[in-house]
Protein backbone atom coordinates (compact mmCIF):
# COMPACT_ATOMS: atom_id res chain seq x y z
CA MET A 1 120.83 58.05 -266.33
CA GLU A 2 119.62 61.55 -265.64
CA SER A 3 121.35 64.62 -264.31
CA VAL A 4 119.50 66.18 -261.37
CA ARG A 5 121.95 68.91 -260.37
CA ILE A 6 124.90 70.62 -262.11
CA GLU A 7 127.25 72.84 -260.19
CA PRO A 8 130.13 74.77 -261.78
CA GLU A 9 133.62 74.02 -260.69
CA GLN A 10 137.00 75.53 -261.68
CA ALA A 11 138.34 75.59 -265.27
CA GLY A 12 135.09 74.76 -267.01
CA ASN A 13 134.37 71.60 -265.01
CA PHE A 14 131.05 70.74 -263.37
CA GLN A 15 130.06 68.62 -260.37
CA VAL A 16 127.03 66.63 -261.59
CA THR A 17 124.52 64.74 -259.43
CA TRP A 18 123.06 61.86 -261.36
CA ASP A 19 120.13 59.41 -260.93
CA LEU A 20 121.05 56.05 -262.43
CA THR A 21 118.31 53.45 -262.94
CA ILE A 22 119.25 49.78 -263.43
CA LYS A 23 116.70 46.98 -263.33
CA GLY A 24 114.05 49.40 -261.89
CA LEU A 25 116.28 50.56 -258.94
CA THR A 26 117.35 54.27 -258.96
CA LEU A 27 120.36 55.38 -257.01
CA ARG A 28 122.00 58.78 -256.79
CA PHE A 29 125.79 59.57 -257.17
CA LYS A 30 128.07 62.41 -258.27
CA SER A 31 130.78 62.74 -260.82
CA LEU A 32 133.04 65.45 -262.21
CA LEU A 33 132.06 66.45 -265.75
CA HIS A 34 134.88 67.92 -267.80
CA ARG A 35 134.35 70.42 -270.70
CA GLU A 36 136.75 71.25 -273.51
CA LEU A 37 136.12 73.86 -276.20
CA LYS A 38 138.23 73.40 -279.32
CA ALA A 39 137.91 74.09 -283.07
CA GLY A 40 134.15 74.84 -283.05
CA GLN A 41 133.36 71.76 -280.93
CA THR A 42 132.48 71.09 -277.33
CA ARG A 43 133.64 67.82 -275.81
CA LEU A 44 132.16 66.63 -272.50
CA TRP A 45 133.32 63.59 -270.54
CA THR A 46 133.10 62.02 -267.17
CA ASP A 47 134.61 58.94 -265.47
CA PHE A 48 133.20 57.20 -262.47
CA LYS A 49 132.98 53.89 -260.69
CA ILE A 50 129.82 52.16 -259.36
CA ASP A 51 129.35 48.99 -257.35
CA ARG A 52 127.09 46.70 -259.31
CA ARG A 53 125.90 45.08 -256.16
CA GLN A 54 124.10 48.29 -255.13
CA TRP A 55 121.75 47.77 -258.08
CA LYS A 56 121.57 44.00 -257.44
CA VAL A 57 123.23 43.16 -260.71
CA GLY A 58 124.80 39.66 -260.92
CA GLY A 59 125.55 37.34 -258.05
CA ASN A 60 128.71 36.34 -256.32
CA SER A 61 131.33 35.59 -258.87
CA LEU A 62 135.10 35.05 -258.94
CA THR A 63 135.29 36.22 -262.58
CA MET A 64 133.07 39.34 -262.37
CA GLY A 65 134.32 42.34 -260.40
CA ASP A 66 131.95 44.24 -258.12
CA ILE A 67 133.28 47.67 -259.13
CA VAL A 68 132.48 48.85 -262.66
CA SER A 69 134.46 51.67 -264.29
CA VAL A 70 132.40 53.88 -266.63
CA HIS A 71 133.63 56.47 -269.21
CA LEU A 72 131.02 58.66 -270.93
CA GLU A 73 131.93 61.13 -273.67
CA ALA A 74 129.96 63.41 -276.02
CA LEU A 75 131.07 65.67 -278.81
CA PHE A 76 128.92 68.62 -280.01
CA ALA A 77 129.36 70.98 -282.94
CA ASN A 78 129.15 74.63 -281.79
């Protein structure tokens, strides 16, 4: 996963355009990246959903959902 564009939003948030490669297939999507500055640390996080079928992951299944919810978080010392 690689960020290809970052645009500032209100209140320290950013609209990020990502390239996500799974099984050799790269697709582009956007998510809102949140930033929180507190006690000498910077916390970044984003939540998004992807459709695994777009990357041709898995087959038809009654037990496996098509939509995958992803939460990414990073904590940095300032």
